[in-house]
Amino acid sequence: MLGIGIPELILILVIALVIFGPSKLPEIGAAIGKGIREFKKATSNIEESISNTDEDKE
């Protein structure tokens, strides 16, 4: 997908741990997860709307 391997992922997590500290990481992870879920829901709604519009034209 993005070409991120295990070493890069570990480096990113270590940098995040140093910057934000261990107490903030769960909050940040939850916020990122919620944002990704909302983005996926919005894109699926858009795709559904487009397919419904295409079906109406036929």
N, C-alpha and C. Protein backbone atom coordinates (compact mmCIF):
# COMPACT_ATOMS: atom_id res chain seq x y z
N MET A 1 0.83 -1.19 0.00
CA MET A 1 0.00 0.00 0.00
C MET A 1 0.88 1.25 0.00
N LEU A 2 1.51 1.53 1.10
CA LEU A 2 2.37 2.70 1.17
C LEU A 2 3.85 2.33 1.13
N GLY A 3 4.15 1.05 1.11
CA GLY A 3 5.53 0.62 1.10
C GLY A 3 6.20 0.77 2.46
N ILE A 4 5.41 0.74 3.53
CA ILE A 4 5.96 0.85 4.88
C ILE A 4 6.16 -0.55 5.43
N GLY A 5 7.39 -0.87 5.76
CA GLY A 5 7.69 -2.17 6.32
C GLY A 5 7.72 -2.13 7.84
N ILE A 6 8.07 -3.24 8.44
CA ILE A 6 8.13 -3.35 9.89
C ILE A 6 9.15 -2.38 10.50
N PRO A 7 10.37 -2.27 9.96
CA PRO A 7 11.33 -1.33 10.58
C PRO A 7 10.85 0.11 10.54
N GLU A 8 10.23 0.51 9.44
CA GLU A 8 9.73 1.89 9.36
C GLU A 8 8.59 2.13 10.34
N LEU A 9 7.72 1.13 10.46
CA LEU A 9 6.60 1.24 11.38
C LEU A 9 7.08 1.36 12.83
N ILE A 10 8.07 0.57 13.18
CA ILE A 10 8.64 0.63 14.54
C ILE A 10 9.27 2.00 14.78
N LEU A 11 9.98 2.53 13.80
CA LEU A 11 10.59 3.85 13.94
C LEU A 11 9.53 4.92 14.14
N ILE A 12 8.45 4.86 13.38
CA ILE A 12 7.37 5.83 13.53
C ILE A 12 6.75 5.74 14.92
N LEU A 13 6.52 4.53 15.41
CA LEU A 13 5.94 4.36 16.74
C LEU A 13 6.86 4.87 17.84
N VAL A 14 8.17 4.64 17.70
CA VAL A 14 9.13 5.13 18.70
C VAL A 14 9.15 6.66 18.71
N ILE A 15 9.14 7.27 17.53
CA ILE A 15 9.13 8.74 17.46
C ILE A 15 7.85 9.29 18.07
N ALA A 16 6.71 8.65 17.79
CA ALA A 16 5.44 9.10 18.38
C ALA A 16 5.47 8.96 19.89
N LEU A 17 6.06 7.88 20.38
CA LEU A 17 6.16 7.67 21.83
C LEU A 17 7.00 8.75 22.48
N VAL A 18 8.10 9.13 21.84
CA VAL A 18 8.97 10.17 22.39
C VAL A 18 8.27 11.52 22.37
N ILE A 19 7.57 11.82 21.28
CA ILE A 19 6.94 13.13 21.15
C ILE A 19 5.73 13.28 22.07
N PHE A 20 4.84 12.29 22.08
CA PHE A 20 3.58 12.43 22.79
C PHE A 20 3.56 11.80 24.16
N GLY A 21 4.44 10.88 24.42
CA GLY A 21 4.46 10.21 25.72
C GLY A 21 3.47 9.05 25.74
N PRO A 22 3.68 8.12 26.66
CA PRO A 22 2.86 6.91 26.68
C PRO A 22 1.40 7.15 27.08
N SER A 23 1.11 8.22 27.79
CA SER A 23 -0.26 8.43 28.24
C SER A 23 -1.17 8.95 27.12
N LYS A 24 -0.61 9.65 26.15
CA LYS A 24 -1.41 10.22 25.08
C LYS A 24 -1.59 9.29 23.89
N LEU A 25 -0.75 8.27 23.74
CA LEU A 25 -0.81 7.41 22.56
C LEU A 25 -2.16 6.69 22.39
N PRO A 26 -2.77 6.14 23.44
CA PRO A 26 -4.08 5.51 23.24
C PRO A 26 -5.15 6.49 22.76
N GLU A 27 -5.11 7.71 23.27
CA GLU A 27 -6.07 8.73 22.84
C GLU A 27 -5.86 9.08 21.37
N ILE A 28 -4.62 9.22 20.98
CA ILE A 28 -4.30 9.55 19.59
C ILE A 28 -4.72 8.41 18.67
N GLY A 29 -4.42 7.18 19.07
CA GLY A 29 -4.80 6.03 18.27
C GLY A 29 -6.31 5.93 18.10
N ALA A 30 -7.04 6.17 19.16
CA ALA A 30 -8.51 6.12 19.09
C ALA A 30 -9.04 7.21 18.16
N ALA A 31 -8.47 8.39 18.25
CA ALA A 31 -8.92 9.49 17.39
C ALA A 31 -8.62 9.20 15.92
N ILE A 32 -7.45 8.63 15.65
CA ILE A 32 -7.10 8.29 14.27
C ILE A 32 -8.03 7.20 13.76
N GLY A 33 -8.29 6.19 14.57
CA GLY A 33 -9.20 5.11 14.17
C GLY A 33 -10.60 5.62 13.89
N LYS A 34 -11.08 6.51 14.73
CA LYS A 34 -12.42 7.08 14.52
C LYS A 34 -12.45 7.89 13.22
N GLY A 35 -11.41 8.64 12.96
CA GLY A 35 -11.35 9.41 11.72
C GLY A 35 -11.33 8.53 10.49
N ILE A 36 -10.58 7.44 10.55
CA ILE A 36 -10.53 6.51 9.42
C ILE A 36 -11.89 5.85 9.19
N ARG A 37 -12.56 5.45 10.28
CA ARG A 37 -13.89 4.85 10.14
C ARG A 37 -14.88 5.83 9.50
N GLU A 38 -14.86 7.09 9.94
CA GLU A 38 -15.77 8.08 9.39
C GLU A 38 -15.46 8.34 7.92
N PHE A 39 -14.17 8.36 7.56
CA PHE A 39 -13.78 8.56 6.17
C PHE A 39 -14.28 7.41 5.29
N LYS A 40 -14.12 6.18 5.78
CA LYS A 40 -14.59 5.01 5.02
C LYS A 40 -16.11 5.05 4.86
N LYS A 41 -16.81 5.44 5.92
CA LYS A 41 -18.27 5.52 5.85
C LYS A 41 -18.70 6.58 4.84
N ALA A 42 -18.02 7.71 4.84
CA ALA A 42 -18.37 8.78 3.90
C ALA A 42 -18.10 8.35 2.46
N THR A 43 -16.97 7.69 2.22
CA THR A 43 -16.68 7.26 0.85
C THR A 43 -17.66 6.19 0.40
N SER A 44 -18.06 5.30 1.29
CA SER A 44 -19.04 4.28 0.88
C SER A 44 -20.39 4.91 0.60
N ASN A 45 -20.75 5.94 1.36
CA ASN A 45 -22.01 6.64 1.09
C ASN A 45 -21.97 7.34 -0.26
N ILE A 46 -20.84 7.93 -0.58
CA ILE A 46 -20.69 8.59 -1.87
C ILE A 46 -20.76 7.57 -3.00
N GLU A 47 -20.06 6.44 -2.85
CA GLU A 47 -20.10 5.40 -3.88
C GLU A 47 -21.53 4.88 -4.06
N GLU A 48 -22.24 4.69 -2.96
CA GLU A 48 -23.62 4.21 -3.03
C GLU A 48 -24.50 5.22 -3.74
N SER A 49 -24.30 6.49 -3.43
CA SER A 49 -25.07 7.55 -4.07
C SER A 49 -24.82 7.59 -5.57
N ILE A 50 -23.57 7.43 -5.96
CA ILE A 50 -23.23 7.44 -7.38
C ILE A 50 -23.83 6.24 -8.09
N SER A 51 -23.76 5.06 -7.47
CA SER A 51 -24.33 3.88 -8.12
C SER A 51 -25.85 3.98 -8.21
N ASN A 52 -26.49 4.59 -7.21
CA ASN A 52 -27.95 4.78 -7.28
C ASN A 52 -28.31 5.75 -8.39
N THR A 53 -27.51 6.78 -8.58
CA THR A 53 -27.74 7.74 -9.65
C THR A 53 -27.58 7.07 -11.01
N ASP A 54 -26.57 6.20 -11.15
CA ASP A 54 -26.36 5.49 -12.40
C ASP A 54 -27.52 4.54 -12.70
N GLU A 55 -28.05 3.89 -11.67
CA GLU A 55 -29.17 2.97 -11.86
C GLU A 55 -30.43 3.73 -12.26
N ASP A 56 -30.60 4.94 -11.73
CA ASP A 56 -31.78 5.75 -12.06
C ASP A 56 -31.75 6.21 -13.52
N LYS A 57 -30.58 6.42 -14.05
CA LYS A 57 -30.45 6.88 -15.43
C LYS A 57 -30.79 5.78 -16.42
N GLU A 58 -30.62 4.54 -16.03
CA GLU A 58 -30.87 3.42 -16.95
C GLU A 58 -32.30 3.12 -17.07
